[in-house]
Amino acid sequence: MKALFFMKAGKGFSMHQDMKTYDVTVIGAGPAGLGAAKSAYENGAKTLLIEREARLGGILKQCIHDGFGLLIFKEKLTGPEYAQRYIDMINKTSIDISLLTYVTDVKKNQDGFCHITMITQKGIKHILSKTIILATGCRERTAKQIFIHGTRPSGVFTAGTAQYYTNILGHVPTKKCVILGSGDIGMIMARRLTLEGAQVEGVYEVKSELGGLMRNYSQCLVDYNIPLYTNKTVTRVFGEKRLTAVEISSVNDDMSVIEGTQKIVDCDALILSVGLIPENELAEKLEVPIDEFTKGPIADQCNQTLKDGIFICGNAHHVNDLVDYVSKAGTTAGRCAANYINKERKLVKLQKSDLLSYCVPQYIDKLSEQKNVDVYFRSKARIKDVRISVTADNRVIATKKLVEIRPAEIETIQLDLSKAGNDILNIFLSCEKV
């Protein structure tokens, strides 16, 4: 990549006029970022892809189980295989790629451009970009975030860390473990560790029902005779240098511990699969409004946040349960960022039923040319036999029947906004039993 320069100006620094400028800068090169960069380039944008690790692919590099790509590639792939499909396509383009690069600051200039400061192997660099796509993914909740009491021994891992040790480093981090949380990665690691010879004493879930996909429950727990215990949680850990046991307690419907139900389970590792949080430090620096429920930025159907020229996609927007959804969002963000023109938007909030916990996008831009829209939503509770409908000014523009909806599984409905017209005042996502 061409060198970037800066020079002193008085007490501060001013950018050299030869500083490199891009149409689209994608931050993060996981499935969302790869899809976004490819899409932006294909739509004529001069594109930069920034990744903090030494290789492209994000979390997919360590996800050696299959089940990826069924929607996009129409076949079952492992995580590395799925990522490689996109990497091969990226390598055939002239997209600039900056690996081992950390973005430390992003600011919007008065002329509308984004000034990006980043640390590379060659030092601090500065670039300008017409638009930014945040594809920074998400992070796992830790033991301290869920208030587990006790000592601080080694042997307490997030599920992603245990997966990295096992699949990338080739080191199984446990001989006998307890898994807290029945999210997808927790169930997948229960199977993975069992295959490596470790004993998984059980998967404990604080809620009354499964936290991940039913297919993972069947393939990872049922098929390998790994027990799932609901309404139970870890309340204390024991051990000095290394974990020696955990305390398991039952909880009521309010998730409060029931006194007298505690039992001690011997183990040398506690693996946590207790939720994911979108990585949005850069969005917060840019003062992008955040959705209270998803913990990701609020956006319209173009994946543009409420800050003009700042786009969001993938798990940084909201936590997805299928990588194909992540890549599709990246494709939309890349195309819209490449075609971005700083013009007025007319946003209409996508209202939702009280039975649903959230839906994205949160807004519809009436003036956007993006008329085909995938709406993603989750329910607050398990509901059987439901009809999902979208109405624009009380006129139905999309409807879908589902046998069951669950909080742990994302559902989608496709909209054709050309049916709604450009003068809509209200748009509503309803959910009702049939």
Protein backbone atom coordinates (compact mmCIF):
# COMPACT_ATOMS: atom_id res chain seq x y z
CA MET A 1 0.00 0.00 0.00
CA LYS A 2 1.20 3.54 -0.75
CA ALA A 3 2.78 5.21 2.26
CA LEU A 4 0.68 7.73 4.19
CA PHE A 5 2.28 10.96 5.40
CA PHE A 6 1.65 13.68 7.97
CA MET A 7 3.59 16.81 8.92
CA LYS A 8 3.72 19.28 11.79
CA ALA A 9 1.62 22.41 11.68
CA GLY A 10 1.97 24.72 14.65
CA LYS A 11 1.13 22.86 17.87
CA GLY A 12 -0.77 20.04 16.16
CA PHE A 13 -0.65 18.05 12.96
CA SER A 14 -2.29 18.63 9.59
CA MET A 15 -2.70 16.03 6.93
CA HIS A 16 -0.53 16.08 3.82
CA GLN A 17 -2.53 16.75 0.69
CA ASP A 18 -1.34 13.40 -0.72
CA MET A 19 -3.04 11.48 2.10
CA LYS A 20 -4.82 8.49 0.61
CA THR A 21 -8.59 8.78 0.18
CA TYR A 22 -11.13 5.98 -0.28
CA ASP A 23 -14.78 5.79 -1.23
CA VAL A 24 -15.44 2.99 1.26
CA THR A 25 -13.39 1.78 4.23
CA VAL A 26 -14.47 -1.48 5.82
CA ILE A 27 -13.31 -2.06 9.39
CA GLY A 28 -13.24 -5.77 10.20
CA ALA A 29 -12.61 -8.68 7.82
CA GLY A 30 -14.87 -11.39 9.17
CA PRO A 31 -17.83 -12.64 7.10
CA ALA A 32 -19.59 -9.25 7.27
CA GLY A 33 -16.51 -7.25 6.31
CA LEU A 34 -15.54 -9.60 3.49
CA GLY A 35 -19.04 -9.42 2.03
CA ALA A 36 -19.13 -5.63 2.40
CA ALA A 37 -15.71 -5.05 0.78
CA LYS A 38 -16.53 -7.35 -2.14
CA SER A 39 -19.89 -5.66 -2.69
CA ALA A 40 -18.46 -2.13 -2.44
CA TYR A 41 -15.73 -2.95 -4.97
CA GLU A 42 -18.21 -4.55 -7.38
CA ASN A 43 -20.24 -1.35 -7.23
CA GLY A 44 -17.29 0.77 -8.36
CA ALA A 45 -15.94 2.02 -5.04
CA LYS A 46 -12.27 2.47 -4.23
CA THR A 47 -12.19 0.20 -1.18
CA LEU A 48 -9.94 -0.39 1.83
CA LEU A 49 -10.38 -3.44 4.09
CA ILE A 50 -8.85 -3.17 7.58
CA GLU A 51 -8.28 -6.21 9.82
CA ARG A 52 -6.59 -6.32 13.24
CA GLU A 53 -5.49 -9.95 12.90
CA ALA A 54 -2.82 -11.39 10.61
CA ARG A 55 -5.34 -13.21 8.40
CA LEU A 56 -8.74 -12.50 6.89
CA GLY A 57 -11.78 -14.46 8.01
CA GLY A 58 -12.57 -13.32 11.53
CA ILE A 59 -14.02 -15.90 13.90
CA LEU A 60 -14.66 -18.30 11.01
CA LYS A 61 -11.01 -19.39 11.09
CA GLN A 62 -11.60 -21.38 14.27
CA CYS A 63 -15.11 -22.69 13.47
CA ILE A 64 -14.15 -26.05 11.99
CA HIS A 65 -17.67 -27.51 12.33
CA ASP A 66 -19.94 -27.50 9.28
CA GLY A 67 -23.34 -25.90 8.67
CA PHE A 68 -22.15 -22.66 7.04
CA GLY A 69 -23.20 -21.49 3.59
CA LEU A 70 -26.51 -23.29 3.14
CA LEU A 71 -28.31 -20.11 2.07
CA ILE A 72 -25.60 -18.39 0.00
CA PHE A 73 -23.62 -21.28 -1.50
CA LYS A 74 -26.36 -23.93 -1.28
CA GLU A 75 -23.99 -26.40 0.34
CA LYS A 76 -22.71 -27.29 3.80
CA LEU A 77 -19.27 -25.80 4.53
CA THR A 78 -16.98 -25.47 7.53
CA GLY A 79 -16.14 -21.98 8.78
CA PRO A 80 -12.67 -21.89 7.16
CA GLU A 81 -14.13 -23.17 3.87
CA TYR A 82 -16.83 -20.50 3.93
CA ALA A 83 -14.32 -17.75 4.67
CA GLN A 84 -11.97 -18.99 1.95
CA ARG A 85 -14.71 -18.66 -0.66
CA TYR A 86 -14.88 -14.93 0.06
CA ILE A 87 -11.12 -14.55 0.50
CA ASP A 88 -10.57 -16.07 -2.96
CA MET A 89 -13.05 -13.59 -4.44
CA ILE A 90 -11.41 -10.67 -2.59
CA ASN A 91 -7.96 -11.70 -3.84
CA LYS A 92 -9.15 -11.37 -7.44
CA THR A 93 -9.91 -7.67 -6.91
CA SER A 94 -7.78 -4.57 -6.39
CA ILE A 95 -9.18 -3.94 -2.91
CA ASP A 96 -6.49 -2.54 -0.59
CA ILE A 97 -6.04 -4.75 2.47
CA SER A 98 -4.33 -3.66 5.70
CA LEU A 99 -3.69 -6.53 8.14
CA LEU A 100 -2.46 -6.31 11.75
CA THR A 101 -4.03 -2.86 11.82
CA TYR A 102 -5.92 -1.26 14.70
CA VAL A 103 -8.25 1.69 14.15
CA THR A 104 -7.77 3.97 17.15
CA ASP A 105 -9.87 6.97 16.14
CA VAL A 106 -12.51 7.99 13.62
CA LYS A 107 -13.80 11.52 13.17
CA LYS A 108 -16.18 13.15 10.73
CA ASN A 109 -14.66 16.21 9.04
CA GLN A 110 -16.63 19.33 8.13
CA ASP A 111 -16.48 18.34 4.46
CA GLY A 112 -18.24 15.07 5.27
CA PHE A 113 -15.23 12.80 4.97
CA CYS A 114 -14.18 10.43 7.75
CA HIS A 115 -10.67 10.88 9.09
CA ILE A 116 -9.36 7.49 10.24
CA THR A 117 -6.32 7.05 12.48
CA MET A 118 -4.84 3.56 12.59
CA ILE A 119 -1.81 1.76 13.96
CA THR A 120 -0.07 -0.49 11.47
CA GLN A 121 3.19 -2.45 11.43
CA LYS A 122 4.78 0.61 9.84
CA GLY A 123 3.50 3.05 12.45
CA ILE A 124 0.57 5.44 12.76
CA LYS A 125 -1.27 6.12 9.50
CA HIS A 126 -4.05 8.50 8.53
CA ILE A 127 -6.55 8.16 5.70
CA LEU A 128 -9.73 9.83 4.54
CA SER A 129 -12.82 7.92 3.52
CA LYS A 130 -16.11 9.03 2.02
CA THR A 131 -17.95 6.30 3.94
CA ILE A 132 -17.15 3.76 6.66
CA ILE A 133 -18.62 0.31 7.16
CA LEU A 134 -18.31 -1.00 10.71
CA ALA A 135 -18.02 -4.79 10.54
CA THR A 136 -16.32 -5.26 13.90
CA GLY A 137 -18.33 -8.27 15.08
CA CYS A 138 -19.07 -9.00 18.72
CA ARG A 139 -17.39 -10.12 21.92
CA GLU A 140 -18.33 -12.69 24.56
CA ARG A 141 -19.56 -11.90 28.05
CA THR A 142 -17.11 -12.91 30.75
CA ALA A 143 -17.50 -14.42 34.22
CA LYS A 144 -17.24 -10.99 35.87
CA GLN A 145 -20.07 -9.66 33.71
CA ILE A 146 -22.44 -12.30 35.08
CA PHE A 147 -21.29 -11.91 38.70
CA ILE A 148 -19.91 -15.35 39.52
CA HIS A 149 -18.40 -15.27 43.01
CA GLY A 150 -15.29 -16.96 44.33
CA THR A 151 -11.58 -16.98 43.63
CA ARG A 152 -9.85 -16.21 40.34
CA PRO A 153 -8.25 -19.49 39.28
CA SER A 154 -7.16 -20.43 35.79
CA GLY A 155 -9.57 -22.70 33.95
CA VAL A 156 -12.43 -20.25 33.38
CA PHE A 157 -12.81 -19.73 29.64
CA THR A 158 -15.30 -18.17 27.30
CA ALA A 159 -16.52 -20.70 24.73
CA GLY A 160 -14.71 -18.82 21.95
CA THR A 161 -11.43 -18.94 23.84
CA ALA A 162 -11.82 -22.68 24.46
CA GLN A 163 -12.55 -23.08 20.76
CA TYR A 164 -9.38 -21.14 19.85
CA TYR A 165 -7.25 -23.30 22.16
CA THR A 166 -8.70 -26.50 20.73
CA ASN A 167 -9.01 -25.74 17.02
CA ILE A 168 -6.18 -23.27 16.38
CA LEU A 169 -3.56 -24.07 19.01
CA GLY A 170 -4.30 -27.79 19.14
CA HIS A 171 -4.46 -27.84 22.93
CA VAL A 172 -7.50 -29.22 24.76
CA PRO A 173 -7.92 -26.92 27.79
CA THR A 174 -9.82 -29.36 30.02
CA LYS A 175 -10.25 -32.97 31.09
CA LYS A 176 -13.56 -32.47 32.88
CA CYS A 177 -15.62 -29.32 32.43
CA VAL A 178 -18.91 -27.62 33.12
CA ILE A 179 -20.46 -25.47 30.41
CA LEU A 180 -22.61 -22.53 31.50
CA GLY A 181 -25.04 -21.32 28.86
CA SER A 182 -26.76 -23.22 26.05
CA GLY A 183 -25.89 -20.79 23.27
CA ASP A 184 -24.79 -22.26 19.97
CA ILE A 185 -21.07 -21.96 20.58
CA GLY A 186 -21.47 -23.55 24.03
CA MET A 187 -23.26 -26.58 22.60
CA ILE A 188 -20.80 -26.86 19.72
CA MET A 189 -17.89 -26.83 22.17
CA ALA A 190 -19.60 -29.49 24.31
CA ARG A 191 -19.48 -31.78 21.29
CA ARG A 192 -15.99 -30.69 20.24
CA LEU A 193 -14.46 -31.32 23.65
CA THR A 194 -16.21 -34.68 23.91
CA LEU A 195 -14.70 -35.69 20.58
CA GLU A 196 -11.27 -34.72 21.95
CA GLY A 197 -11.70 -37.01 24.96
CA ALA A 198 -12.77 -34.48 27.58
CA GLN A 199 -15.70 -35.19 29.91
CA VAL A 200 -18.48 -32.61 29.70
CA GLU A 201 -20.35 -32.95 32.99
CA GLY A 202 -23.28 -30.99 31.65
CA VAL A 203 -24.57 -27.82 30.01
CA TYR A 204 -26.35 -25.52 32.46
CA GLU A 205 -28.84 -22.87 31.31
CA VAL A 206 -30.19 -20.16 33.62
CA LYS A 207 -33.38 -19.77 31.57
CA SER A 208 -36.17 -22.29 31.27
CA GLU A 209 -35.43 -23.20 27.67
CA LEU A 210 -32.60 -23.65 25.20
CA GLY A 211 -30.48 -20.63 24.31
CA GLY A 212 -29.40 -21.75 20.83
CA LEU A 213 -30.64 -23.42 17.66
CA MET A 214 -32.60 -26.66 17.96
CA ARG A 215 -30.39 -28.29 15.34
CA ASN A 216 -27.33 -27.71 17.53
CA TYR A 217 -29.15 -29.15 20.54
CA SER A 218 -29.94 -32.30 18.54
CA GLN A 219 -26.55 -32.69 16.86
CA CYS A 220 -24.30 -31.61 19.73
CA LEU A 221 -26.03 -32.60 22.96
CA VAL A 222 -28.60 -35.30 22.21
CA ASP A 223 -26.38 -37.22 19.78
CA TYR A 224 -23.50 -37.27 22.29
CA ASN A 225 -25.58 -37.90 25.44
CA ILE A 226 -24.54 -34.60 27.01
CA PRO A 227 -27.16 -33.52 29.57
CA LEU A 228 -28.82 -30.08 29.48
CA TYR A 229 -30.01 -28.62 32.79
CA THR A 230 -32.36 -25.62 32.63
CA ASN A 231 -33.14 -23.10 35.39
CA LYS A 232 -29.67 -23.63 36.81
CA THR A 233 -26.56 -21.46 36.99
CA VAL A 234 -23.05 -21.33 38.41
CA THR A 235 -22.94 -19.20 41.55
CA ARG A 236 -19.38 -19.79 42.78
CA VAL A 237 -16.04 -21.12 41.63
CA PHE A 238 -13.40 -22.87 43.77
CA GLY A 239 -9.66 -23.27 43.42
CA GLU A 240 -6.52 -21.24 43.86
CA LYS A 241 -4.11 -21.74 40.95
CA ARG A 242 -6.51 -23.94 38.96
CA LEU A 243 -10.27 -24.39 39.09
CA THR A 244 -11.22 -27.43 41.15
CA ALA A 245 -15.02 -27.20 41.36
CA VAL A 246 -18.06 -24.99 40.78
CA GLU A 247 -21.22 -24.43 42.75
CA ILE A 248 -24.45 -25.03 40.81
CA SER A 249 -27.72 -23.48 42.02
CA SER A 250 -31.30 -23.65 40.82
CA VAL A 251 -33.07 -20.42 39.90
CA ASN A 252 -36.73 -19.42 39.72
CA ASP A 253 -38.56 -17.79 36.82
CA ASP A 254 -37.13 -14.42 37.86
CA MET A 255 -33.65 -15.98 37.63
CA SER A 256 -33.11 -15.47 41.36
CA VAL A 257 -31.14 -18.18 43.15
CA ILE A 258 -33.26 -20.62 45.19
CA GLU A 259 -31.57 -21.06 48.56
CA GLY A 260 -30.82 -24.62 49.61
CA THR A 261 -30.43 -25.92 46.03
CA GLN A 262 -26.66 -25.52 45.82
CA LYS A 263 -24.49 -28.48 44.87
CA ILE A 264 -20.75 -28.78 44.21
CA VAL A 265 -19.52 -30.22 40.91
CA ASP A 266 -15.85 -31.18 40.57
CA CYS A 267 -14.22 -29.97 37.34
CA ASP A 268 -11.03 -28.38 36.06
CA ALA A 269 -12.68 -25.90 33.67
CA LEU A 270 -15.76 -23.72 33.44
CA ILE A 271 -16.67 -22.73 29.90
CA LEU A 272 -18.99 -19.76 29.47
CA SER A 273 -21.50 -19.37 26.65
CA VAL A 274 -23.51 -16.58 28.23
CA GLY A 275 -24.15 -14.16 25.41
CA LEU A 276 -22.52 -11.90 22.87
CA ILE A 277 -22.25 -8.12 22.79
CA PRO A 278 -21.72 -6.13 19.55
CA GLU A 279 -18.33 -4.36 19.39
CA ASN A 280 -19.27 -0.72 19.08
CA GLU A 281 -16.50 1.38 20.56
CA LEU A 282 -15.93 3.10 17.20
CA ALA A 283 -19.66 3.69 16.73
CA GLU A 284 -19.79 5.32 20.15
CA LYS A 285 -16.83 7.56 19.28
CA LEU A 286 -18.81 8.71 16.26
CA GLU A 287 -21.84 9.29 18.53
CA VAL A 288 -23.94 6.83 16.56
CA PRO A 289 -27.25 6.13 18.39
CA ILE A 290 -27.39 2.58 19.82
CA ASP A 291 -30.42 0.31 20.13
CA GLU A 292 -31.01 -0.48 23.81
CA PHE A 293 -31.98 -4.09 23.13
CA THR A 294 -29.63 -5.21 20.35
CA LYS A 295 -26.70 -3.13 21.76
CA GLY A 296 -25.85 -2.31 18.14
CA PRO A 297 -26.37 0.88 16.12
CA ILE A 298 -29.79 1.89 14.88
CA ALA A 299 -29.92 1.71 11.08
CA ASP A 300 -32.17 1.87 8.03
CA GLN A 301 -32.68 -0.73 5.28
CA CYS A 302 -29.42 0.34 3.61
CA ASN A 303 -27.55 -0.52 6.83
CA GLN A 304 -26.78 3.18 7.20
CA THR A 305 -26.79 4.34 10.81
CA LEU A 306 -28.38 7.59 11.93
CA LYS A 307 -25.00 9.23 11.22
CA ASP A 308 -24.79 9.94 7.49
CA GLY A 309 -22.06 7.98 5.74
CA ILE A 310 -21.55 5.49 8.60
CA PHE A 311 -22.79 1.97 7.82
CA ILE A 312 -23.09 -1.11 10.01
CA CYS A 313 -23.39 -4.82 9.26
CA GLY A 314 -23.11 -8.28 10.75
CA ASN A 315 -22.85 -9.01 14.46
CA ALA A 316 -21.77 -5.43 15.16
CA HIS A 317 -25.34 -4.49 14.21
CA HIS A 318 -27.16 -7.31 16.00
CA VAL A 319 -26.10 -10.83 16.96
CA ASN A 320 -27.03 -13.28 14.20
CA ASP A 321 -27.33 -17.05 14.44
CA LEU A 322 -26.45 -17.79 10.78
CA VAL A 323 -23.32 -16.57 8.99
CA ASP A 324 -25.29 -16.31 5.75
CA TYR A 325 -27.38 -13.51 7.28
CA VAL A 326 -24.15 -11.74 8.24
CA SER A 327 -22.78 -11.92 4.68
CA LYS A 328 -26.07 -10.73 3.18
CA ALA A 329 -26.04 -7.70 5.46
CA GLY A 330 -22.45 -7.00 4.42
CA THR A 331 -23.45 -7.15 0.76
CA THR A 332 -26.22 -4.62 1.31
CA ALA A 333 -23.96 -2.29 3.32
CA GLY A 334 -21.22 -2.46 0.68
CA ARG A 335 -23.54 -1.70 -2.21
CA CYS A 336 -25.25 1.18 -0.41
CA ALA A 337 -21.96 2.66 0.84
CA ALA A 338 -20.51 2.54 -2.69
CA ASN A 339 -23.56 4.38 -4.03
CA TYR A 340 -23.75 6.79 -1.10
CA ILE A 341 -24.70 10.39 -1.83
CA ASN A 342 -25.03 12.79 1.06
CA LYS A 343 -28.67 13.65 0.65
CA GLU A 344 -31.72 14.00 2.84
CA ARG A 345 -33.32 10.86 4.18
CA LYS A 346 -36.96 10.54 5.17
CA LEU A 347 -37.00 7.92 7.88
CA VAL A 348 -40.07 6.07 9.14
CA LYS A 349 -39.66 3.97 12.28
CA LEU A 350 -40.46 0.28 11.81
CA GLN A 351 -42.86 -0.33 14.69
CA LYS A 352 -43.18 -3.86 16.09
CA SER A 353 -45.57 -6.03 18.06
CA ASP A 354 -45.13 -6.27 21.83
CA LEU A 355 -44.58 -10.02 21.32
CA LEU A 356 -41.28 -9.27 19.59
CA SER A 357 -38.12 -8.22 21.41
CA TYR A 358 -36.56 -6.37 18.46
CA CYS A 359 -36.49 -6.00 14.70
CA VAL A 360 -33.88 -4.66 12.31
CA PRO A 361 -33.69 -2.44 10.38
CA GLN A 362 -35.18 -0.07 12.90
CA TYR A 363 -36.04 2.55 10.23
CA ILE A 364 -37.16 2.62 6.63
CA ASP A 365 -35.87 5.41 4.39
CA LYS A 366 -38.75 6.32 2.07
CA LEU A 367 -36.38 7.98 -0.42
CA SER A 368 -33.96 5.07 -0.70
CA GLU A 369 -33.69 3.02 -3.86
CA GLN A 370 -33.26 -0.07 -1.67
CA LYS A 371 -36.80 -1.45 -2.00
CA ASN A 372 -36.16 -5.15 -1.33
CA VAL A 373 -35.63 -5.45 2.40
CA ASP A 374 -34.93 -8.38 4.72
CA VAL A 375 -36.39 -7.71 8.17
CA TYR A 376 -34.86 -9.74 11.01
CA PHE A 377 -36.65 -10.19 14.33
CA ARG A 378 -36.72 -12.22 17.55
CA SER A 379 -39.66 -13.10 19.78
CA LYS A 380 -39.85 -12.49 23.51
CA ALA A 381 -41.15 -16.00 24.20
CA ARG A 382 -41.81 -19.31 22.48
CA ILE A 383 -45.05 -19.03 20.50
CA LYS A 384 -46.57 -21.69 18.27
CA ASP A 385 -48.64 -21.13 15.12
CA VAL A 386 -48.11 -17.47 14.38
CA ARG A 387 -48.66 -15.13 11.47
CA ILE A 388 -46.10 -12.40 10.85
CA SER A 389 -47.34 -9.44 8.80
CA VAL A 390 -45.98 -6.08 7.73
CA THR A 391 -48.43 -3.28 7.07
CA ALA A 392 -47.75 0.12 5.53
CA ASP A 393 -50.47 2.61 6.47
CA ASN A 394 -52.68 -0.38 7.38
CA ARG A 395 -52.15 -2.04 3.99
CA VAL A 396 -50.53 -5.50 4.15
CA ILE A 397 -47.34 -5.63 2.07
CA ALA A 398 -45.91 -8.93 3.38
CA THR A 399 -47.14 -11.89 5.41
CA LYS A 400 -45.69 -15.19 6.60
CA LYS A 401 -46.91 -18.12 8.71
CA LEU A 402 -44.53 -19.88 11.12
CA VAL A 403 -45.06 -23.10 13.06
CA GLU A 404 -43.10 -21.72 16.01
CA ILE A 405 -40.94 -18.78 16.98
CA ARG A 406 -38.35 -18.84 19.79
CA PRO A 407 -36.24 -16.08 21.40
CA ALA A 408 -33.05 -17.98 20.53
CA GLU A 409 -33.73 -18.08 16.79
CA ILE A 410 -33.82 -15.16 14.39
CA GLU A 411 -36.67 -15.12 11.90
CA THR A 412 -36.89 -13.10 8.70
CA ILE A 413 -39.54 -11.67 6.45
CA GLN A 414 -38.90 -10.11 3.04
CA LEU A 415 -40.47 -6.79 2.06
CA ASP A 416 -41.01 -5.22 -1.33
CA LEU A 417 -41.27 -1.54 -0.44
CA SER A 418 -42.34 -0.64 -3.96
CA LYS A 419 -45.76 -1.92 -2.86
CA ALA A 420 -45.85 0.65 -0.08
CA GLY A 421 -45.25 3.82 -2.12
CA ASN A 422 -43.12 6.81 -1.15
CA ASP A 423 -45.68 8.53 1.06
CA ILE A 424 -46.03 5.99 3.86
CA LEU A 425 -46.49 7.43 7.33
CA ASN A 426 -46.53 4.23 9.39
CA ILE A 427 -45.04 0.77 8.95
CA PHE A 428 -45.73 -2.02 11.44
CA LEU A 429 -44.42 -5.57 12.02
CA SER A 430 -47.17 -7.58 13.66
CA CYS A 431 -47.17 -11.01 15.28
CA GLU A 432 -50.39 -12.86 16.09
CA LYS A 433 -51.43 -16.42 16.90
CA VAL A 434 -53.50 -18.24 14.27
